[in-house]
């Protein structure tokens, strides 16, 4: 099942996009007269808040220019990841990454997951923390949608909803009024992301046969045959596909021939045979071998579907078969 290396860096891209949402927040410091004295960009880094708090424990001055860590600042981290069954797509849908005249390379549709993200705002005074909060909260109502290109070699972009789940605040106030004080606002988010598998190369589908049935005893209704137009067209030259609606009555009789130069096989009148691709079953009405042209000629009736050119008509008793090269209705 597994094997073949691939890596789209989905988790890394998701975390990067989430962090980018909050990497341009600033606070304003004013004088006692109300004039703007300074603009300060709020630092943002990935990591748990305990990491930054432990560094603050070794500092006395949280605003001095000679320390390695200053407040206010923000940090974010992944706290959980769960499968998202509500947005699961069909596994048969694929995204095309490249295509030639005869084949295409595609990647399977994504598997959705929800990441639990935590954003921590750390500040020494309340006004700094509130300035940061007011630059975030209005954009989440409660979700903010981001368009992300998860895979580099395809043009498709996907929506990545970022939903604000909750907001909490703690005042980490230790010691007397001259020692460290840290206000921490914690915002929890859920981020919907998608994981993709590796690429797969397959032939281009040129024709499709659809058989329609009723419940017994009515059985087969009709066959809808769809193919490219003209049959040998490439994706660049193909026109609108053609559709043929084919009805089969139980009294219809078909003459099936294989290629000239074929060896003789064995069929018995009134026995059942089946087609290898379409699954159509029928009853043998007559069989003969053209010894001049070396060709099997099989006549069948009571077909419960339509035959597809190139499929094998199998004798389930002897396990012999002929490969249909032509078919005609009598």
Protein backbone atom coordinates (compact mmCIF):
# COMPACT_ATOMS: atom_id res chain seq x y z
CA UNK A 1 0.00 0.00 0.00
CA UNK A 2 2.72 2.47 0.99
CA UNK A 3 5.90 3.23 -0.89
CA UNK A 4 7.31 5.86 -3.22
CA UNK A 5 8.49 9.07 -1.59
CA UNK A 6 6.44 12.24 -1.80
CA UNK A 7 6.36 15.36 0.35
CA UNK A 8 4.13 18.40 -0.21
CA UNK A 9 5.07 20.12 3.09
CA UNK A 10 1.36 20.57 3.85
CA UNK A 11 1.72 20.92 7.62
CA UNK A 12 4.58 23.37 7.25
CA UNK A 13 2.65 25.49 4.76
CA UNK A 14 -0.43 25.49 7.00
CA UNK A 15 1.55 26.68 10.02
CA UNK A 16 3.31 29.32 7.91
CA UNK A 17 0.02 30.70 6.55
CA UNK A 18 -1.47 30.81 10.04
CA UNK A 19 1.52 32.70 11.41
CA UNK A 20 1.48 35.13 8.46
CA UNK A 21 -1.98 36.31 9.52
CA UNK A 22 -0.49 37.86 12.69
CA UNK A 23 3.02 38.91 11.65
CA UNK A 24 2.29 42.57 10.92
CA UNK A 25 0.68 43.80 14.14
CA UNK A 26 1.96 46.99 15.76
CA UNK A 27 1.28 48.91 18.95
CA UNK A 28 1.45 52.67 19.50
CA UNK A 29 3.03 54.38 22.48
CA UNK A 30 1.80 57.90 23.28
CA UNK A 31 3.05 60.74 25.38
CA UNK A 32 1.14 62.14 28.34
CA UNK A 33 -0.21 64.77 25.98
CA UNK A 34 -1.69 62.19 23.64
CA UNK A 35 0.86 62.50 20.84
CA UNK A 36 2.23 59.40 19.17
CA UNK A 37 5.71 58.81 20.51
CA UNK A 38 6.59 55.45 18.95
CA UNK A 39 5.36 52.60 16.75
CA UNK A 40 6.49 49.14 17.76
CA UNK A 41 6.01 45.95 15.76
CA UNK A 42 4.98 43.01 17.92
CA UNK A 43 7.41 40.05 17.54
CA UNK A 44 5.88 36.70 16.57
CA UNK A 45 7.48 33.27 16.91
CA UNK A 46 6.44 29.62 16.86
CA UNK A 47 6.65 27.85 20.21
CA UNK A 48 4.78 27.25 23.47
CA UNK A 49 4.26 30.20 25.79
CA UNK A 50 6.11 28.36 28.60
CA UNK A 51 9.29 28.64 26.55
CA UNK A 52 9.08 32.44 26.52
CA UNK A 53 7.88 32.73 30.11
CA UNK A 54 10.86 30.72 31.30
CA UNK A 55 13.18 33.18 29.57
CA UNK A 56 11.32 36.06 31.17
CA UNK A 57 11.88 34.56 34.60
CA UNK A 58 15.58 35.36 34.28
CA UNK A 59 14.97 39.03 33.42
CA UNK A 60 14.13 41.99 35.62
CA UNK A 61 13.68 44.68 32.96
CA UNK A 62 11.11 43.68 30.33
CA UNK A 63 11.37 46.87 28.27
CA UNK A 64 15.07 47.63 28.26
CA UNK A 65 16.99 47.61 25.01
CA UNK A 66 19.79 45.37 26.30
CA UNK A 67 17.74 42.25 26.99
CA UNK A 68 17.20 39.38 24.58
CA UNK A 69 13.44 39.18 25.06
CA UNK A 70 10.98 42.06 25.34
CA UNK A 71 7.25 42.44 25.84
CA UNK A 72 4.81 42.64 24.19
CA UNK A 73 5.26 39.63 21.93
CA UNK A 74 3.19 36.77 20.51
CA UNK A 75 3.72 33.04 20.11
CA UNK A 76 1.69 30.29 18.42
CA UNK A 77 1.77 26.50 18.30
CA UNK A 78 -0.14 23.38 17.21
CA UNK A 79 -1.99 21.79 20.11
CA UNK A 80 -3.89 19.01 18.31
CA UNK A 81 -4.97 17.47 15.01
CA UNK A 82 -8.15 15.53 14.16
CA UNK A 83 -9.67 14.01 11.01
CA UNK A 84 -12.46 16.12 9.49
CA UNK A 85 -15.14 13.74 8.20
CA UNK A 86 -17.57 16.60 7.42
CA UNK A 87 -15.55 17.82 4.41
CA UNK A 88 -14.39 14.46 3.01
CA UNK A 89 -14.46 14.31 -0.81
CA UNK A 90 -14.82 11.27 -3.05
CA UNK A 91 -11.53 9.35 -3.36
CA UNK A 92 -12.23 8.92 -7.08
CA UNK A 93 -11.80 12.64 -7.78
CA UNK A 94 -8.26 13.49 -8.84
CA UNK A 95 -6.38 16.70 -9.65
CA UNK A 96 -4.40 16.74 -12.90
CA UNK A 97 -0.82 17.95 -12.55
CA UNK A 98 0.33 17.35 -16.15
CA UNK A 99 -1.10 15.84 -19.32
CA UNK A 100 0.08 14.51 -22.69
CA UNK A 101 -1.85 13.30 -25.74
CA UNK A 102 -2.13 9.77 -24.33
CA UNK A 103 -1.76 10.02 -20.56
CA UNK A 104 -2.13 12.31 -17.58
CA UNK A 105 -0.44 12.60 -14.22
CA UNK A 106 -2.72 13.34 -11.30
CA UNK A 107 -2.84 13.42 -7.52
CA UNK A 108 -5.65 11.96 -5.44
CA UNK A 109 -8.13 14.27 -3.76
CA UNK A 110 -7.20 15.51 -0.35
CA UNK A 111 -7.81 14.05 3.07
CA UNK A 112 -9.17 16.79 5.38
CA UNK A 113 -7.85 17.45 8.88
CA UNK A 114 -8.51 20.12 11.50
CA UNK A 115 -5.52 21.59 13.32
CA UNK A 116 -5.99 23.09 16.77
CA UNK A 117 -3.82 26.20 16.99
CA UNK A 118 -3.13 28.42 19.99
CA UNK A 119 -2.04 32.06 19.75
CA UNK A 120 -0.64 33.64 22.93
CA UNK A 121 -0.36 37.40 23.40
CA UNK A 122 2.08 38.33 26.18
CA UNK A 123 2.29 41.90 27.42
CA UNK A 124 3.45 43.78 30.49
CA UNK A 125 0.57 46.27 30.57
CA UNK A 126 -3.08 46.00 29.68
CA UNK A 127 -3.10 48.70 27.01
CA UNK A 128 -0.52 46.88 24.89
CA UNK A 129 -2.49 43.64 25.08
CA UNK A 130 -5.77 45.36 24.19
CA UNK A 131 -4.22 47.08 21.18
CA UNK A 132 -3.14 43.71 19.84
CA UNK A 133 -6.51 42.10 20.57
CA UNK A 134 -8.43 44.82 18.72
CA UNK A 135 -6.31 44.26 15.62
CA UNK A 136 -7.27 40.56 15.55
CA UNK A 137 -10.83 40.06 16.79
CA UNK A 138 -12.76 42.08 14.13
CA UNK A 139 -11.51 39.82 11.33
CA UNK A 140 -12.87 36.57 12.81
CA UNK A 141 -16.68 36.35 12.65
CA UNK A 142 -15.84 33.72 13.79
CA UNK A 143 -14.00 32.40 10.67
CA UNK A 144 -11.48 34.01 8.35
CA UNK A 145 -10.94 32.29 5.00
CA UNK A 146 -7.54 32.03 3.33
CA UNK A 147 -6.89 30.68 -0.18
CA UNK A 148 -3.84 28.40 -0.16
CA UNK A 149 -1.96 26.63 -2.95
CA UNK A 150 -0.99 23.44 -1.15
CA UNK A 151 0.75 21.68 -4.09
CA UNK A 152 3.37 23.59 -6.05
CA UNK A 153 2.91 22.06 -9.51
CA UNK A 154 -0.87 22.50 -9.85
CA UNK A 155 -2.88 25.67 -10.22
CA UNK A 156 -5.68 24.67 -7.86
CA UNK A 157 -6.02 26.67 -4.65
CA UNK A 158 -8.04 25.54 -1.65
CA UNK A 159 -9.92 27.43 1.02
CA UNK A 160 -8.37 27.19 4.47
CA UNK A 161 -10.92 28.47 7.03
CA UNK A 162 -9.37 29.74 10.27
CA UNK A 163 -12.01 29.82 12.99
CA UNK A 164 -11.64 31.58 16.33
CA UNK A 165 -12.97 29.20 18.97
CA UNK A 166 -12.32 30.96 22.28
CA UNK A 167 -10.47 33.76 24.07
CA UNK A 168 -9.09 33.59 27.61
CA UNK A 169 -6.91 35.84 29.78
CA UNK A 170 -4.55 35.22 32.67
CA UNK A 171 -2.62 37.75 34.75
CA UNK A 172 0.65 36.05 35.64
CA UNK A 173 1.50 38.43 38.50
CA UNK A 174 4.23 37.20 40.78
CA UNK A 175 6.05 38.92 43.65
CA UNK A 176 5.76 42.56 44.60
CA UNK A 177 4.89 45.50 42.35
CA UNK A 178 8.50 45.95 41.23
CA UNK A 179 8.94 42.46 39.82
CA UNK A 180 7.74 40.70 36.71
CA UNK A 181 4.16 40.95 35.56
CA UNK A 182 2.89 39.26 32.37
CA UNK A 183 -0.61 39.52 30.95
CA UNK A 184 -1.41 36.57 28.68
CA UNK A 185 -4.34 36.50 26.26
CA UNK A 186 -4.83 33.05 24.74
CA UNK A 187 -6.79 32.70 21.49
CA UNK A 188 -7.61 29.19 20.32
CA UNK A 189 -8.28 28.52 16.63
CA UNK A 190 -9.28 25.60 14.45
CA UNK A 191 -7.63 25.49 11.02
CA UNK A 192 -8.92 23.24 8.24
CA UNK A 193 -6.17 21.84 6.05
CA UNK A 194 -5.82 19.04 3.50
CA UNK A 195 -3.20 16.33 2.93
CA UNK A 196 -2.48 14.94 -0.54
CA UNK A 197 -0.90 11.71 -1.70
CA UNK A 198 1.76 11.27 -4.38
CA UNK A 199 1.18 11.49 -8.13
CA UNK A 200 -0.07 8.71 -10.39
CA UNK A 201 0.13 8.40 -14.20
CA UNK A 202 -2.76 6.82 -16.12
CA UNK A 203 -4.10 6.62 -19.67
CA UNK A 204 -6.65 9.16 -20.86
CA UNK A 205 -10.22 7.81 -20.93
CA UNK A 206 -11.55 7.96 -24.48
CA UNK A 207 -14.85 6.13 -24.11
CA UNK A 208 -17.33 5.33 -21.36
CA UNK A 209 -20.19 2.81 -21.40
CA UNK A 210 -23.04 3.19 -18.93
CA UNK A 211 -25.61 0.41 -18.54
CA UNK A 212 -28.99 1.29 -17.01
CA UNK A 213 -31.04 -1.38 -15.27
CA UNK A 214 -34.40 -1.79 -13.59
CA UNK A 215 -34.98 -4.07 -10.67
CA UNK A 216 -35.97 -7.61 -11.64
CA UNK A 217 -37.89 -8.81 -13.53
CA UNK A 218 -37.46 -5.91 -15.97
CA UNK A 219 -33.65 -6.10 -16.09
CA UNK A 220 -31.59 -4.18 -18.63
CA UNK A 221 -32.94 -0.87 -19.97
CA UNK A 222 -30.32 0.72 -22.20
CA UNK A 223 -26.64 1.39 -22.81
CA UNK A 224 -25.23 4.93 -23.14
CA UNK A 225 -21.97 4.93 -25.10
CA UNK A 226 -19.87 8.14 -24.86
CA UNK A 227 -16.62 8.65 -26.76
CA UNK A 228 -14.32 11.42 -27.90
CA UNK A 229 -14.98 13.02 -31.26
CA UNK A 230 -13.21 12.12 -33.49
CA UNK A 231 -12.20 8.80 -31.85
CA UNK A 232 -8.44 9.38 -32.25
CA UNK A 233 -8.46 13.00 -31.09
CA UNK A 234 -6.01 14.39 -28.55
CA UNK A 235 -7.11 16.63 -25.65
CA UNK A 236 -6.08 19.66 -27.72
CA UNK A 237 -8.05 18.69 -30.86
CA UNK A 238 -11.09 16.86 -29.49
CA UNK A 239 -14.51 18.35 -30.08
CA UNK A 240 -17.66 17.74 -28.08
CA UNK A 241 -18.04 14.05 -27.16
CA UNK A 242 -20.64 11.98 -28.96
CA UNK A 243 -23.27 9.93 -27.16
CA UNK A 244 -25.12 6.91 -28.48
CA UNK A 245 -28.17 5.51 -26.70
CA UNK A 246 -28.52 1.81 -27.41
CA UNK A 247 -31.52 -0.29 -26.46
CA UNK A 248 -31.38 -4.07 -26.19
CA UNK A 249 -34.47 -6.25 -26.28
CA UNK A 250 -34.38 -9.83 -25.06
CA UNK A 251 -35.27 -11.00 -28.58
CA UNK A 252 -32.30 -9.21 -30.21
CA UNK A 253 -29.77 -11.47 -31.85
CA UNK A 254 -26.07 -10.56 -32.20
CA UNK A 255 -23.43 -12.02 -34.48
CA UNK A 256 -19.98 -11.69 -32.90
CA UNK A 257 -16.77 -12.28 -34.87
CA UNK A 258 -13.14 -12.36 -33.77
CA UNK A 259 -10.02 -11.57 -35.81
CA UNK A 260 -9.12 -13.41 -39.01
CA UNK A 261 -6.54 -16.11 -38.41
CA UNK A 262 -7.90 -17.09 -35.00
CA UNK A 263 -7.84 -20.58 -33.60
CA UNK A 264 -11.03 -22.57 -33.10
CA UNK A 265 -12.64 -22.57 -29.67
CA UNK A 266 -15.60 -24.36 -28.13
CA UNK A 267 -19.18 -23.12 -27.62
CA UNK A 268 -22.41 -25.12 -27.26
CA UNK A 269 -25.87 -24.01 -28.35
CA UNK A 270 -28.13 -22.78 -25.52
CA UNK A 271 -25.26 -22.34 -23.10
CA UNK A 272 -24.65 -19.04 -21.27
CA UNK A 273 -21.65 -16.85 -22.01
CA UNK A 274 -20.50 -13.55 -20.52
CA UNK A 275 -18.51 -10.52 -21.65
CA UNK A 276 -15.28 -9.81 -19.72
CA UNK A 277 -15.53 -6.00 -19.56
CA UNK A 278 -19.20 -5.03 -19.70
CA UNK A 279 -20.36 -8.09 -17.75
CA UNK A 280 -23.17 -8.64 -20.28
CA UNK A 281 -24.55 -12.19 -20.28
CA UNK A 282 -26.23 -13.91 -23.23
CA UNK A 283 -27.28 -17.35 -24.52
CA UNK A 284 -25.53 -19.04 -27.47
CA UNK A 285 -27.89 -19.49 -30.41
CA UNK A 286 -25.33 -20.77 -32.88
CA UNK A 287 -21.58 -21.22 -33.26
CA UNK A 288 -19.47 -22.00 -36.30
CA UNK A 289 -15.81 -21.86 -37.25
CA UNK A 290 -14.87 -20.40 -40.64
CA UNK A 291 -12.05 -22.75 -41.64
CA UNK A 292 -11.22 -20.68 -44.73
CA UNK A 293 -10.67 -17.38 -42.96
CA UNK A 294 -9.85 -18.98 -39.62
CA UNK A 295 -12.48 -17.01 -37.76
CA UNK A 296 -14.92 -17.79 -34.93
CA UNK A 297 -18.51 -16.69 -35.54
CA UNK A 298 -20.74 -16.67 -32.47
CA UNK A 299 -24.48 -15.90 -32.55
CA UNK A 300 -26.09 -15.00 -29.21
CA UNK A 301 -29.51 -13.86 -27.99
CA UNK A 302 -31.26 -12.93 -24.72
CA UNK A 303 -28.48 -10.44 -23.90
CA UNK A 304 -28.99 -8.54 -20.64
CA UNK A 305 -26.81 -5.63 -21.76
CA UNK A 306 -24.71 -4.25 -24.58
CA UNK A 307 -21.32 -5.57 -25.66
CA UNK A 308 -18.20 -3.39 -25.83
CA UNK A 309 -15.79 -3.64 -28.76
CA UNK A 310 -12.59 -5.45 -27.90
CA UNK A 311 -13.89 -7.39 -24.90
CA UNK A 312 -13.71 -11.18 -24.50
CA UNK A 313 -16.79 -13.40 -24.84
CA UNK A 314 -16.06 -16.14 -22.33
CA UNK A 315 -17.32 -19.73 -22.21
CA UNK A 316 -17.54 -20.33 -18.43
CA UNK A 317 -17.60 -24.10 -18.91
CA UNK A 318 -14.40 -24.50 -20.93
CA UNK A 319 -12.85 -21.15 -19.87
CA UNK A 320 -12.15 -20.45 -23.55
CA UNK A 321 -12.97 -17.12 -25.16
CA UNK A 322 -12.91 -15.08 -28.33
CA UNK A 323 -11.97 -11.40 -28.47
CA UNK A 324 -14.73 -9.51 -30.25
CA UNK A 325 -13.55 -7.58 -33.32
CA UNK A 326 -16.96 -6.92 -34.84
CA UNK A 327 -20.62 -7.24 -33.88
CA UNK A 328 -23.82 -6.89 -35.84
CA UNK A 329 -27.51 -7.11 -34.94
CA UNK A 330 -29.65 -9.56 -36.87
